[in-house]
PDB file of N, CA and C in Angstrom:
ATOM      1  N   UNK A   1     199.500   8.301 196.056  1.00  0.00           N
ATOM      2  CA  UNK A   1     198.930   8.646 194.773  1.00  0.00           C
ATOM      3  C   UNK A   1     198.678  10.191 194.623  1.00  0.00           C
ATOM      4  N   UNK A   2     198.156  10.705 195.781  1.00  0.00           N
ATOM      5  CA  UNK A   2     197.807  12.129 195.687  1.00  0.00           C
ATOM      6  C   UNK A   2     199.039  12.957 195.502  1.00  0.00           C
ATOM      7  N   UNK A   3     200.238  12.525 196.151  1.00  0.00           N
ATOM      8  CA  UNK A   3     201.456  13.265 196.075  1.00  0.00           C
ATOM      9  C   UNK A   3     201.954  13.223 194.572  1.00  0.00           C
ATOM     10  N   UNK A   4     201.830  12.260 193.910  1.00  0.00           N
ATOM     11  CA  UNK A   4     202.157  12.027 192.574  1.00  0.00           C
ATOM     12  C   UNK A   4     201.378  13.163 191.596  1.00  0.00           C
ATOM     13  N   UNK A   5     200.051  13.207 191.989  1.00  0.00           N
ATOM     14  CA  UNK A   5     199.231  14.055 191.121  1.00  0.00           C
ATOM     15  C   UNK A   5     199.611  15.623 191.441  1.00  0.00           C
ATOM     16  N   UNK A   6     199.842  15.836 192.713  1.00  0.00           N
ATOM     17  CA  UNK A   6     200.256  17.175 193.112  1.00  0.00           C
ATOM     18  C   UNK A   6     201.549  17.568 192.487  1.00  0.00           C
ATOM     19  N   UNK A   7     202.514  16.679 192.473  1.00  0.00           N
ATOM     20  CA  UNK A   7     203.833  17.029 191.787  1.00  0.00           C
ATOM     21  C   UNK A   7     203.607  17.245 190.256  1.00  0.00           C
ATOM     22  N   UNK A   8     202.762  16.359 189.665  1.00  0.00           N
ATOM     23  CA  UNK A   8     202.523  16.603 188.191  1.00  0.00           C
ATOM     24  C   UNK A   8     201.858  17.932 187.970  1.00  0.00           C
ATOM     25  N   UNK A   9     200.983  18.285 188.818  1.00  0.00           N
ATOM     26  CA  UNK A   9     200.218  19.588 188.548  1.00  0.00           C
ATOM     27  C   UNK A   9     201.250  20.753 188.735  1.00  0.00           C
ATOM     28  N   UNK A  10     202.138  20.525 189.873  1.00  0.00           N
ATOM     29  CA  UNK A  10     203.174  21.567 189.994  1.00  0.00           C
ATOM     30  C   UNK A  10     204.123  21.791 188.917  1.00  0.00           C
ATOM     31  N   UNK A  11     204.591  20.547 188.277  1.00  0.00           N
ATOM     32  CA  UNK A  11     205.410  20.570 187.063  1.00  0.00           C
ATOM     33  C   UNK A  11     204.749  21.227 185.917  1.00  0.00           C
ATOM     34  N   UNK A  12     203.406  21.079 185.801  1.00  0.00           N
ATOM     35  CA  UNK A  12     202.717  21.776 184.545  1.00  0.00           C
ATOM     36  C   UNK A  12     202.723  23.169 184.859  1.00  0.00           C
ATOM     37  N   UNK A  13     202.381  23.666 186.127  1.00  0.00           N
ATOM     38  CA  UNK A  13     202.229  25.086 186.478  1.00  0.00           C
ATOM     39  C   UNK A  13     203.693  25.795 186.217  1.00  0.00           C
ATOM     40  N   UNK A  14     204.833  25.146 186.573  1.00  0.00           N
ATOM     41  CA  UNK A  14     205.989  25.628 186.328  1.00  0.00           C
ATOM     42  C   UNK A  14     206.339  25.887 184.770  1.00  0.00           C
ATOM     43  N   UNK A  15     205.869  24.874 183.989  1.00  0.00           N
ATOM     44  CA  UNK A  15     206.029  25.011 182.575  1.00  0.00           C
ATOM     45  C   UNK A  15     205.243  26.171 182.109  1.00  0.00           C
ATOM     46  N   UNK A  16     203.992  26.444 182.602  1.00  0.00           N
ATOM     47  CA  UNK A  16     203.020  27.355 182.143  1.00  0.00           C
ATOM     48  C   UNK A  16     203.807  28.863 182.445  1.00  0.00           C
ATOM     49  N   UNK A  17     204.280  28.934 183.614  1.00  0.00           N
ATOM     50  CA  UNK A  17     204.866  30.171 183.952  1.00  0.00           C
ATOM     51  C   UNK A  17     206.228  30.505 183.057  1.00  0.00           C
ATOM     52  N   UNK A  18     206.963  29.415 182.830  1.00  0.00           N
ATOM     53  CA  UNK A  18     208.098  29.611 181.964  1.00  0.00           C
ATOM     54  C   UNK A  18     207.659  29.954 180.611  1.00  0.00           C
ATOM     55  N   UNK A  19     206.720  29.501 179.978  1.00  0.00           N
ATOM     56  CA  UNK A  19     206.169  29.931 178.601  1.00  0.00           C
ATOM     57  C   UNK A  19     205.674  31.396 178.661  1.00  0.00           C
ATOM     58  N   UNK A  20     204.968  31.629 179.692  1.00  0.00           N
ATOM     59  CA  UNK A  20     204.175  32.862 179.890  1.00  0.00           C
ATOM     60  C   UNK A  20     205.258  34.142 180.159  1.00  0.00           C
ATOM     61  N   UNK A  21     206.371  33.756 180.612  1.00  0.00           N
ATOM     62  CA  UNK A  21     207.378  34.877 180.725  1.00  0.00           C
ATOM     63  C   UNK A  21     207.840  35.391 179.471  1.00  0.00           C
ATOM     64  N   UNK A  22     207.977  34.484 178.495  1.00  0.00           N
ATOM     65  CA  UNK A  22     208.373  34.878 177.155  1.00  0.00           C
ATOM     66  C   UNK A  22     207.294  35.262 176.252  1.00  0.00           C
ATOM     67  N   UNK A  23     206.064  34.641 176.280  1.00  0.00           N
ATOM     68  CA  UNK A  23     205.141  34.888 175.312  1.00  0.00           C
ATOM     69  C   UNK A  23     204.001  35.960 175.922  1.00  0.00           C
ATOM     70  N   UNK A  24     204.163  37.085 175.212  1.00  0.00           N
ATOM     71  CA  UNK A  24     203.263  38.149 175.715  1.00  0.00           C
ATOM     72  C   UNK A  24     202.492  38.826 174.451  1.00  0.00           C
ATOM     73  N   UNK A  25     201.202  38.832 174.642  1.00  0.00           N
ATOM     74  CA  UNK A  25     200.466  39.323 173.340  1.00  0.00           C
ATOM     75  C   UNK A  25     200.309  40.845 173.442  1.00  0.00           C
ATOM     76  N   UNK A  26     200.301  41.477 172.284  1.00  0.00           N
ATOM     77  CA  UNK A  26     200.195  42.750 172.167  1.00  0.00           C
ATOM     78  C   UNK A  26     198.911  43.219 171.397  1.00  0.00           C
ATOM     79  N   UNK A  27     198.655  44.424 171.157  1.00  0.00           N
ATOM     80  CA  UNK A  27     197.442  44.846 170.382  1.00  0.00           C
ATOM     81  C   UNK A  27     197.568  44.418 168.957  1.00  0.00           C
ATOM     82  N   UNK A  28     198.772  44.497 168.359  1.00  0.00           N
ATOM     83  CA  UNK A  28     198.824  44.154 166.995  1.00  0.00           C
ATOM     84  C   UNK A  28     199.209  42.696 166.865  1.00  0.00           C
ATOM     85  N   UNK A  29     199.661  41.961 167.905  1.00  0.00           N
ATOM     86  CA  UNK A  29     199.947  40.589 167.893  1.00  0.00           C
ATOM     87  C   UNK A  29     199.613  39.903 169.159  1.00  0.00           C
ATOM     88  N   UNK A  30     198.318  39.581 169.286  1.00  0.00           N
ATOM     89  CA  UNK A  30     197.824  39.033 170.496  1.00  0.00           C
ATOM     90  C   UNK A  30     198.174  37.595 170.674  1.00  0.00           C
ATOM     91  N   UNK A  31     197.832  37.101 171.804  1.00  0.00           N
ATOM     92  CA  UNK A  31     198.443  35.771 172.367  1.00  0.00           C
ATOM     93  C   UNK A  31     197.136  34.831 172.032  1.00  0.00           C
ATOM     94  N   UNK A  32     197.574  33.636 171.261  1.00  0.00           N
ATOM     95  CA  UNK A  32     196.591  32.558 171.075  1.00  0.00           C
ATOM     96  C   UNK A  32     196.934  31.566 172.188  1.00  0.00           C
ATOM     97  N   UNK A  33     196.005  31.524 173.122  1.00  0.00           N
ATOM     98  CA  UNK A  33     196.214  30.605 174.402  1.00  0.00           C
ATOM     99  C   UNK A  33     195.408  29.225 174.168  1.00  0.00           C
ATOM    100  N   UNK A  34     196.146  28.105 174.475  1.00  0.00           N
ATOM    101  CA  UNK A  34     195.284  26.962 174.295  1.00  0.00           C
ATOM    102  C   UNK A  34     195.278  26.209 175.714  1.00  0.00           C
ATOM    103  N   UNK A  35     194.086  25.880 175.913  1.00  0.00           N
ATOM    104  CA  UNK A  35     193.944  24.994 177.228  1.00  0.00           C
ATOM    105  C   UNK A  35     193.369  23.600 176.814  1.00  0.00           C
ATOM    106  N   UNK A  36     194.040  22.596 177.301  1.00  0.00           N
ATOM    107  CA  UNK A  36     193.566  21.245 176.985  1.00  0.00           C
ATOM    108  C   UNK A  36     193.289  20.517 178.254  1.00  0.00           C
ATOM    109  N   UNK A  37     192.116  19.845 178.393  1.00  0.00           N
ATOM    110  CA  UNK A  37     191.758  19.042 179.453  1.00  0.00           C
ATOM    111  C   UNK A  37     191.618  17.572 178.955  1.00  0.00           C
ATOM    112  N   UNK A  38     191.129  16.707 179.824  1.00  0.00           N
ATOM    113  CA  UNK A  38     190.851  15.239 179.371  1.00  0.00           C
ATOM    114  C   UNK A  38     189.938  15.204 178.347  1.00  0.00           C
ATOM    115  N   UNK A  39     188.770  16.020 178.442  1.00  0.00           N
ATOM    116  CA  UNK A  39     187.597  15.867 177.510  1.00  0.00           C
ATOM    117  C   UNK A  39     187.443  16.889 176.531  1.00  0.00           C
ATOM    118  N   UNK A  40     188.090  18.087 176.752  1.00  0.00           N
ATOM    119  CA  UNK A  40     187.769  19.171 175.738  1.00  0.00           C
ATOM    120  C   UNK A  40     189.120  19.914 175.445  1.00  0.00           C
ATOM    121  N   UNK A  41     189.075  20.988 174.541  1.00  0.00           N
ATOM    122  CA  UNK A  41     190.142  21.792 174.172  1.00  0.00           C
ATOM    123  C   UNK A  41     189.581  23.071 173.894  1.00  0.00           C
ATOM    124  N   UNK A  42     190.235  24.209 174.386  1.00  0.00           N
ATOM    125  CA  UNK A  42     189.762  25.535 174.277  1.00  0.00           C
ATOM    126  C   UNK A  42     190.834  26.427 173.726  1.00  0.00           C
ATOM    127  N   UNK A  43     190.545  27.396 172.958  1.00  0.00           N
ATOM    128  CA  UNK A  43     191.483  28.328 172.269  1.00  0.00           C
ATOM    129  C   UNK A  43     190.906  29.754 172.558  1.00  0.00           C
ATOM    130  N   UNK A  44     191.794  30.734 173.001  1.00  0.00           N
ATOM    131  CA  UNK A  44     191.437  31.921 173.050  1.00  0.00           C
ATOM    132  C   UNK A  44     192.464  33.011 172.707  1.00  0.00           C
ATOM    133  N   UNK A  45     192.048  34.182 172.081  1.00  0.00           N
ATOM    134  CA  UNK A  45     192.972  35.184 171.654  1.00  0.00           C
ATOM    135  C   UNK A  45     192.865  36.300 172.670  1.00  0.00           C
ATOM    136  N   UNK A  46     194.057  36.680 173.265  1.00  0.00           N
ATOM    137  CA  UNK A  46     194.133  37.417 174.306  1.00  0.00           C
ATOM    138  C   UNK A  46     195.045  38.634 174.091  1.00  0.00           C
ATOM    139  N   UNK A  47     194.626  39.855 174.424  1.00  0.00           N
ATOM    140  CA  UNK A  47     195.459  41.027 174.242  1.00  0.00           C
ATOM    141  C   UNK A  47     196.063  41.370 175.680  1.00  0.00           C
ATOM    142  N   UNK A  48     197.393  41.277 175.824  1.00  0.00           N
ATOM    143  CA  UNK A  48     198.047  41.429 177.090  1.00  0.00           C
ATOM    144  C   UNK A  48     198.722  42.844 177.200  1.00  0.00           C
ATOM    145  N   UNK A  49     198.079  43.846 176.668  1.00  0.00           N
ATOM    146  CA  UNK A  49     198.636  45.196 176.643  1.00  0.00           C
ATOM    147  C   UNK A  49     198.778  45.608 178.194  1.00  0.00           C
ATOM    148  N   UNK A  50     199.877  46.301 178.477  1.00  0.00           N
ATOM    149  CA  UNK A  50     200.112  46.814 179.787  1.00  0.00           C
ATOM    150  C   UNK A  50     199.564  48.252 179.863  1.00  0.00           C
ATOM    151  N   UNK A  51     198.728  48.420 180.865  1.00  0.00           N
ATOM    152  CA  UNK A  51     198.213  49.764 181.084  1.00  0.00           C
ATOM    153  C   UNK A  51     198.438  50.085 182.598  1.00  0.00           C
ATOM    154  N   UNK A  52     199.027  51.185 182.970  1.00  0.00           N
ATOM    155  CA  UNK A  52     199.230  51.496 184.295  1.00  0.00           C
ATOM    156  C   UNK A  52     199.897  50.396 185.046  1.00  0.00           C
ATOM    157  N   UNK A  53     200.924  49.763 184.446  1.00  0.00           N
ATOM    158  CA  UNK A  53     201.812  48.736 185.220  1.00  0.00           C
ATOM    159  C   UNK A  53     200.968  47.461 185.404  1.00  0.00           C
ATOM    160  N   UNK A  54     199.809  47.408 184.811  1.00  0.00           N
ATOM    161  CA  UNK A  54     198.970  46.183 184.970  1.00  0.00           C
ATOM    162  C   UNK A  54     198.651  45.644 183.536  1.00  0.00           C
ATOM    163  N   UNK A  55     198.541  44.326 183.450  1.00  0.00           N
ATOM    164  CA  UNK A  55     198.189  43.609 182.308  1.00  0.00           C
ATOM    165  C   UNK A  55     196.675  43.601 182.132  1.00  0.00           C
ATOM    166  N   UNK A  56     196.198  44.021 180.942  1.00  0.00           N
ATOM    167  CA  UNK A  56     194.731  44.015 180.699  1.00  0.00           C
ATOM    168  C   UNK A  56     194.198  42.596 180.608  1.00  0.00           C
ATOM    169  N   UNK A  57     194.896  41.847 179.768  1.00  0.00           N
ATOM    170  CA  UNK A  57     194.445  40.454 179.652  1.00  0.00           C
ATOM    171  C   UNK A  57     193.056  40.387 179.060  1.00  0.00           C
ATOM    172  N   UNK A  58     192.599  41.240 178.119  1.00  0.00           N
ATOM    173  CA  UNK A  58     191.326  41.096 177.552  1.00  0.00           C
ATOM    174  C   UNK A  58     191.177  39.985 176.456  1.00  0.00           C
ATOM    175  N   UNK A  59     190.214  39.126 176.597  1.00  0.00           N
ATOM    176  CA  UNK A  59     189.905  38.104 175.782  1.00  0.00           C
ATOM    177  C   UNK A  59     189.231  38.689 174.471  1.00  0.00           C
ATOM    178  N   UNK A  60     189.817  38.485 173.284  1.00  0.00           N
ATOM    179  CA  UNK A  60     189.211  39.106 172.092  1.00  0.00           C
ATOM    180  C   UNK A  60     188.233  38.040 171.319  1.00  0.00           C
ATOM    181  N   UNK A  61     188.573  36.897 171.506  1.00  0.00           N
ATOM    182  CA  UNK A  61     187.761  35.757 170.936  1.00  0.00           C
ATOM    183  C   UNK A  61     188.102  34.423 171.595  1.00  0.00           C
ATOM    184  N   UNK A  62     187.222  33.722 171.570  1.00  0.00           N
ATOM    185  CA  UNK A  62     187.418  32.261 172.088  1.00  0.00           C
ATOM    186  C   UNK A  62     186.550  31.255 171.458  1.00  0.00           C
ATOM    187  N   UNK A  63     187.018  30.011 171.394  1.00  0.00           N
ATOM    188  CA  UNK A  63     186.328  28.842 170.906  1.00  0.00           C
ATOM    189  C   UNK A  63     186.616  27.658 171.743  1.00  0.00           C
ATOM    190  N   UNK A  64     185.613  26.865 172.040  1.00  0.00           N
ATOM    191  CA  UNK A  64     185.849  25.560 172.785  1.00  0.00           C
ATOM    192  C   UNK A  64     184.946  24.487 172.274  1.00  0.00           C
ATOM    193  N   UNK A  65     185.371  23.331 172.548  1.00  0.00           N
ATOM    194  CA  UNK A  65     184.637  22.182 172.052  1.00  0.00           C
ATOM    195  C   UNK A  65     183.293  22.003 172.753  1.00  0.00           C
ATOM    196  N   UNK A  66     183.087  22.796 173.704  1.00  0.00           N
ATOM    197  CA  UNK A  66     181.750  22.694 174.335  1.00  0.00           C
ATOM    198  C   UNK A  66     180.709  23.757 173.670  1.00  0.00           C
ATOM    199  N   UNK A  67     181.281  24.572 172.849  1.00  0.00           N
ATOM    200  CA  UNK A  67     180.369  25.588 172.283  1.00  0.00           C
ATOM    201  C   UNK A  67     179.236  25.004 171.345  1.00  0.00           C
ATOM    202  N   UNK A  68     178.107  25.554 171.225  1.00  0.00           N
ATOM    203  CA  UNK A  68     176.982  24.868 170.556  1.00  0.00           C
ATOM    204  C   UNK A  68     177.337  24.747 168.992  1.00  0.00           C
ATOM    205  N   UNK A  69     178.092  25.629 168.500  1.00  0.00           N
ATOM    206  CA  UNK A  69     178.329  25.748 167.004  1.00  0.00           C
ATOM    207  C   UNK A  69     179.140  24.483 166.631  1.00  0.00           C
ATOM    208  N   UNK A  70     180.083  24.106 167.487  1.00  0.00           N
ATOM    209  CA  UNK A  70     181.004  22.918 167.190  1.00  0.00           C
ATOM    210  C   UNK A  70     180.594  21.646 167.757  1.00  0.00           C
ATOM    211  N   UNK A  71     179.590  21.594 168.722  1.00  0.00           N
ATOM    212  CA  UNK A  71     179.255  20.394 169.398  1.00  0.00           C
ATOM    213  C   UNK A  71     178.708  19.444 168.510  1.00  0.00           C
ATOM    214  N   UNK A  72     177.884  19.857 167.504  1.00  0.00           N
ATOM    215  CA  UNK A  72     177.193  18.907 166.596  1.00  0.00           C
ATOM    216  C   UNK A  72     178.074  18.331 165.490  1.00  0.00           C
ATOM    217  N   UNK A  73     179.243  18.913 165.325  1.00  0.00           N
ATOM    218  CA  UNK A  73     180.192  18.532 164.185  1.00  0.00           C
ATOM    219  C   UNK A  73     181.097  17.468 164.743  1.00  0.00           C
ATOM    220  N   UNK A  74     181.189  17.164 166.031  1.00  0.00           N
ATOM    221  CA  UNK A  74     182.155  16.255 166.467  1.00  0.00           C
ATOM    222  C   UNK A  74     181.576  15.179 167.402  1.00  0.00           C
ATOM    223  N   UNK A  75     182.117  14.049 167.396  1.00  0.00           N
ATOM    224  CA  UNK A  75     181.596  13.012 168.230  1.00  0.00           C
ATOM    225  C   UNK A  75     182.182  13.182 169.702  1.00  0.00           C
ATOM    226  N   UNK A  76     183.392  13.531 169.753  1.00  0.00           N
ATOM    227  CA  UNK A  76     184.099  13.672 171.142  1.00  0.00           C
ATOM    228  C   UNK A  76     185.012  14.905 171.019  1.00  0.00           C
ATOM    229  N   UNK A  77     185.092  15.522 172.206  1.00  0.00           N
ATOM    230  CA  UNK A  77     185.858  16.815 172.222  1.00  0.00           C
ATOM    231  C   UNK A  77     187.376  16.601 172.493  1.00  0.00           C
ATOM    232  N   UNK A  78     187.786  15.355 172.683  1.00  0.00           N
ATOM    233  CA  UNK A  78     189.202  15.092 173.129  1.00  0.00           C
ATOM    234  C   UNK A  78     189.944  14.471 171.967  1.00  0.00           C
ATOM    235  N   UNK A  79     189.688  14.775 170.763  1.00  0.00           N
ATOM    236  CA  UNK A  79     190.330  14.137 169.677  1.00  0.00           C
ATOM    237  C   UNK A  79     191.082  15.146 168.822  1.00  0.00           C
ATOM    238  N   UNK A  80     192.067  14.708 167.956  1.00  0.00           N
ATOM    239  CA  UNK A  80     192.728  15.598 167.021  1.00  0.00           C
ATOM    240  C   UNK A  80     191.812  16.275 166.226  1.00  0.00           C
ATOM    241  N   UNK A  81     190.725  15.672 165.624  1.00  0.00           N
ATOM    242  CA  UNK A  81     189.748  16.178 164.791  1.00  0.00           C
ATOM    243  C   UNK A  81     189.104  17.265 165.403  1.00  0.00           C
ATOM    244  N   UNK A  82     188.733  17.211 166.683  1.00  0.00           N
ATOM    245  CA  UNK A  82     188.092  18.319 167.422  1.00  0.00           C
ATOM    246  C   UNK A  82     188.991  19.501 167.612  1.00  0.00           C
ATOM    247  N   UNK A  83     190.245  19.120 167.806  1.00  0.00           N
ATOM    248  CA  UNK A  83     191.230  20.206 167.974  1.00  0.00           C
ATOM    249  C   UNK A  83     191.326  20.996 166.618  1.00  0.00           C
ATOM    250  N   UNK A  84     191.340  20.338 165.538  1.00  0.00           N
ATOM    251  CA  UNK A  84     191.448  20.906 164.213  1.00  0.00           C
ATOM    252  C   UNK A  84     190.078  21.902 163.989  1.00  0.00           C
ATOM    253  N   UNK A  85     189.022  21.419 164.358  1.00  0.00           N
ATOM    254  CA  UNK A  85     187.807  22.270 164.379  1.00  0.00           C
ATOM    255  C   UNK A  85     188.030  23.557 164.990  1.00  0.00           C
ATOM    256  N   UNK A  86     188.522  23.282 166.236  1.00  0.00           N
ATOM    257  CA  UNK A  86     188.660  24.658 167.056  1.00  0.00           C
ATOM    258  C   UNK A  86     189.733  25.509 166.448  1.00  0.00           C
ATOM    259  N   UNK A  87     190.768  24.939 165.926  1.00  0.00           N
ATOM    260  CA  UNK A  87     191.839  25.777 165.296  1.00  0.00           C
ATOM    261  C   UNK A  87     191.218  26.584 164.085  1.00  0.00           C
ATOM    262  N   UNK A  88     190.402  25.819 163.256  1.00  0.00           N
ATOM    263  CA  UNK A  88     189.837  26.628 162.148  1.00  0.00           C
ATOM    264  C   UNK A  88     188.923  27.692 162.614  1.00  0.00           C
ATOM    265  N   UNK A  89     188.074  27.314 163.539  1.00  0.00           N
ATOM    266  CA  UNK A  89     187.124  28.231 164.119  1.00  0.00           C
ATOM    267  C   UNK A  89     187.751  29.478 164.793  1.00  0.00           C
ATOM    268  N   UNK A  90     188.790  29.397 165.614  1.00  0.00           N
ATOM    269  CA  UNK A  90     189.486  30.537 166.252  1.00  0.00           C
ATOM    270  C   UNK A  90     190.101  31.329 165.132  1.00  0.00           C
ATOM    271  N   UNK A  91     190.673  30.697 164.105  1.00  0.00           N
ATOM    272  CA  UNK A  91     191.376  31.458 162.988  1.00  0.00           C
ATOM    273  C   UNK A  91     190.271  32.340 162.347  1.00  0.00           C
ATOM    274  N   UNK A  92     189.073  31.798 162.003  1.00  0.00           N
ATOM    275  CA  UNK A  92     188.049  32.602 161.364  1.00  0.00           C
ATOM    276  C   UNK A  92     187.474  33.654 162.090  1.00  0.00           C
ATOM    277  N   UNK A  93     187.446  33.464 163.481  1.00  0.00           N
ATOM    278  CA  UNK A  93     187.067  34.695 164.349  1.00  0.00           C
ATOM    279  C   UNK A  93     188.120  35.703 164.398  1.00  0.00           C
ATOM    280  N   UNK A  94     189.322  35.245 164.458  1.00  0.00           N
ATOM    281  CA  UNK A  94     190.469  36.170 164.498  1.00  0.00           C
ATOM    282  C   UNK A  94     190.565  37.101 163.187  1.00  0.00           C
ATOM    283  N   UNK A  95     190.418  36.404 162.072  1.00  0.00           N
ATOM    284  CA  UNK A  95     190.464  37.083 160.759  1.00  0.00           C
ATOM    285  C   UNK A  95     189.144  38.008 160.786  1.00  0.00           C
ATOM    286  N   UNK A  96     188.113  37.740 161.233  1.00  0.00           N
ATOM    287  CA  UNK A  96     187.005  38.479 161.217  1.00  0.00           C
ATOM    288  C   UNK A  96     187.271  39.836 162.085  1.00  0.00           C
ATOM    289  N   UNK A  97     188.072  39.617 163.012  1.00  0.00           N
ATOM    290  CA  UNK A  97     188.474  40.806 163.951  1.00  0.00           C
ATOM    291  C   UNK A  97     189.549  41.667 163.282  1.00  0.00           C
ATOM    292  N   UNK A  98     190.089  41.125 162.285  1.00  0.00           N
ATOM    293  CA  UNK A  98     191.233  41.885 161.511  1.00  0.00           C
ATOM    294  C   UNK A  98     192.639  41.441 162.206  1.00  0.00           C
ATOM    295  N   UNK A  99     192.680  40.332 162.879  1.00  0.00           N
ATOM    296  CA  UNK A  99     193.848  39.772 163.413  1.00  0.00           C
ATOM    297  C   UNK A  99     194.492  38.688 162.509  1.00  0.00           C
ATOM    298  N   UNK A 100     195.714  38.924 162.103  1.00  0.00           N
ATOM    299  CA  UNK A 100     196.303  37.979 161.289  1.00  0.00           C
ATOM    300  C   UNK A 100     197.584  37.262 161.845  1.00  0.00           C
ATOM    301  N   UNK A 101     198.273  38.005 162.806  1.00  0.00           N
ATOM    302  CA  UNK A 101     199.436  37.531 163.465  1.00  0.00           C
ATOM    303  C   UNK A 101     199.238  37.307 164.975  1.00  0.00           C
ATOM    304  N   UNK A 102     199.520  36.166 165.534  1.00  0.00           N
ATOM    305  CA  UNK A 102     199.485  35.881 166.968  1.00  0.00           C
ATOM    306  C   UNK A 102     200.612  35.291 167.411  1.00  0.00           C
ATOM    307  N   UNK A 103     200.789  35.335 168.692  1.00  0.00           N
ATOM    308  CA  UNK A 103     201.871  34.556 169.459  1.00  0.00           C
ATOM    309  C   UNK A 103     201.165  33.335 170.020  1.00  0.00           C
ATOM    310  N   UNK A 104     201.875  32.204 169.878  1.00  0.00           N
ATOM    311  CA  UNK A 104     201.193  30.862 170.192  1.00  0.00           C
ATOM    312  C   UNK A 104     201.664  30.533 171.656  1.00  0.00           C
ATOM    313  N   UNK A 105     200.713  30.338 172.586  1.00  0.00           N
ATOM    314  CA  UNK A 105     200.869  29.942 173.972  1.00  0.00           C
ATOM    315  C   UNK A 105     200.328  28.564 174.100  1.00  0.00           C
ATOM    316  N   UNK A 106     201.263  27.580 174.223  1.00  0.00           N
ATOM    317  CA  UNK A 106     200.796  26.190 174.318  1.00  0.00           C
ATOM    318  C   UNK A 106     200.293  25.674 175.578  1.00  0.00           C
ATOM    319  N   UNK A 107     200.212  26.647 176.595  1.00  0.00           N
ATOM    320  CA  UNK A 107     199.785  26.391 177.923  1.00  0.00           C
ATOM    321  C   UNK A 107     200.611  25.371 178.723  1.00  0.00           C
ATOM    322  N   UNK A 108     201.910  25.305 178.457  1.00  0.00           N
ATOM    323  CA  UNK A 108     202.827  24.474 179.243  1.00  0.00           C
ATOM    324  C   UNK A 108     202.761  22.970 178.691  1.00  0.00           C
ATOM    325  N   UNK A 109     201.947  22.690 177.775  1.00  0.00           N
ATOM    326  CA  UNK A 109     201.795  21.352 177.156  1.00  0.00           C
ATOM    327  C   UNK A 109     202.913  21.183 175.970  1.00  0.00           C
ATOM    328  N   UNK A 110     203.315  19.918 175.747  1.00  0.00           N
ATOM    329  CA  UNK A 110     204.134  19.670 174.578  1.00  0.00           C
ATOM    330  C   UNK A 110     203.417  19.976 173.349  1.00  0.00           C
ATOM    331  N   UNK A 111     204.373  20.428 172.310  1.00  0.00           N
ATOM    332  CA  UNK A 111     203.666  20.674 171.011  1.00  0.00           C
ATOM    333  C   UNK A 111     203.606  19.394 170.219  1.00  0.00           C
ATOM    334  N   UNK A 112     202.622  18.578 170.484  1.00  0.00           N
ATOM    335  CA  UNK A 112     202.329  17.470 169.745  1.00  0.00           C
ATOM    336  C   UNK A 112     200.876  17.056 170.009  1.00  0.00           C
ATOM    337  N   UNK A 113     200.282  16.201 169.325  1.00  0.00           N
ATOM    338  CA  UNK A 113     198.982  15.722 169.398  1.00  0.00           C
ATOM    339  C   UNK A 113     198.037  16.768 169.162  1.00  0.00           C
ATOM    340  N   UNK A 114     197.028  17.011 170.185  1.00  0.00           N
ATOM    341  CA  UNK A 114     195.943  17.934 169.995  1.00  0.00           C
ATOM    342  C   UNK A 114     196.479  19.378 169.853  1.00  0.00           C
ATOM    343  N   UNK A 115     197.416  19.701 170.553  1.00  0.00           N
ATOM    344  CA  UNK A 115     198.089  21.120 170.545  1.00  0.00           C
ATOM    345  C   UNK A 115     198.617  21.392 169.137  1.00  0.00           C
ATOM    346  N   UNK A 116     199.244  20.409 168.620  1.00  0.00           N
ATOM    347  CA  UNK A 116     199.843  20.669 167.190  1.00  0.00           C
ATOM    348  C   UNK A 116     198.661  20.661 166.270  1.00  0.00           C
ATOM    349  N   UNK A 117     197.741  19.668 166.328  1.00  0.00           N
ATOM    350  CA  UNK A 117     196.635  19.723 165.419  1.00  0.00           C
ATOM    351  C   UNK A 117     195.902  21.155 165.312  1.00  0.00           C
ATOM    352  N   UNK A 118     195.627  21.691 166.544  1.00  0.00           N
ATOM    353  CA  UNK A 118     195.031  23.086 166.647  1.00  0.00           C
ATOM    354  C   UNK A 118     195.812  24.085 165.949  1.00  0.00           C
ATOM    355  N   UNK A 119     197.172  24.016 166.221  1.00  0.00           N
ATOM    356  CA  UNK A 119     198.092  25.079 165.742  1.00  0.00           C
ATOM    357  C   UNK A 119     198.127  24.936 164.107  1.00  0.00           C
ATOM    358  N   UNK A 120     198.304  23.705 163.635  1.00  0.00           N
ATOM    359  CA  UNK A 120     198.335  23.622 162.188  1.00  0.00           C
ATOM    360  C   UNK A 120     197.113  23.931 161.494  1.00  0.00           C
ATOM    361  N   UNK A 121     195.972  23.611 162.101  1.00  0.00           N
ATOM    362  CA  UNK A 121     194.662  24.065 161.520  1.00  0.00           C
ATOM    363  C   UNK A 121     194.585  25.636 161.524  1.00  0.00           C
ATOM    364  N   UNK A 122     194.984  26.250 162.551  1.00  0.00           N
ATOM    365  CA  UNK A 122     194.807  27.643 162.596  1.00  0.00           C
ATOM    366  C   UNK A 122     195.696  28.381 161.453  1.00  0.00           C
ATOM    367  N   UNK A 123     196.879  27.724 161.263  1.00  0.00           N
ATOM    368  CA  UNK A 123     197.904  28.265 160.268  1.00  0.00           C
ATOM    369  C   UNK A 123     197.191  27.986 158.897  1.00  0.00           C
ATOM    370  N   UNK A 124     196.635  26.909 158.672  1.00  0.00           N
ATOM    371  CA  UNK A 124     196.024  26.649 157.321  1.00  0.00           C
ATOM    372  C   UNK A 124     194.922  27.550 157.026  1.00  0.00           C
ATOM    373  N   UNK A 125     194.206  27.933 158.251  1.00  0.00           N
ATOM    374  CA  UNK A 125     192.995  28.778 158.000  1.00  0.00           C
ATOM    375  C   UNK A 125     193.404  30.327 157.860  1.00  0.00           C
ATOM    376  N   UNK A 126     194.788  30.612 157.912  1.00  0.00           N
ATOM    377  CA  UNK A 126     195.213  31.989 157.728  1.00  0.00           C
ATOM    378  C   UNK A 126     195.890  32.673 158.749  1.00  0.00           C
ATOM    379  N   UNK A 127     196.049  32.091 159.982  1.00  0.00           N
ATOM    380  CA  UNK A 127     196.774  32.802 161.036  1.00  0.00           C
ATOM    381  C   UNK A 127     198.271  32.596 160.927  1.00  0.00           C
ATOM    382  N   UNK A 128     199.030  33.615 161.259  1.00  0.00           N
ATOM    383  CA  UNK A 128     200.515  33.523 161.107  1.00  0.00           C
ATOM    384  C   UNK A 128     201.107  33.534 162.560  1.00  0.00           C
ATOM    385  N   UNK A 129     201.868  32.547 162.918  1.00  0.00           N
ATOM    386  CA  UNK A 129     202.657  32.478 164.090  1.00  0.00           C
ATOM    387  C   UNK A 129     203.927  31.547 164.088  1.00  0.00           C
TER     388      UNK A 129
END
């Protein structure tokens, strides 16, 4: 059983690396990274500008289902409704910072379910990607 879980985690890591090779956030178009766990979903906007041959990787804004502002609005953090709340909230924070365009990093996960709900809610709230 443990071997199966190790192989599954390794496949997810390979998918993450494959996506991250192509998706790079810049100062004018940062990366919207999504992390999905069994109980929660998190989104953060990251500036991957390269300085002195190193990536800065500064987090400009983040929202998670465990944050106090969203915890009262949802019953469970592992639903599509919760993902939509996170998508709207991250879009509002981004627009407040003057960010309108982002690169979407799905974190190696398939674009369906909670990942898709978060992305569509962020698009409806005004982000372009």
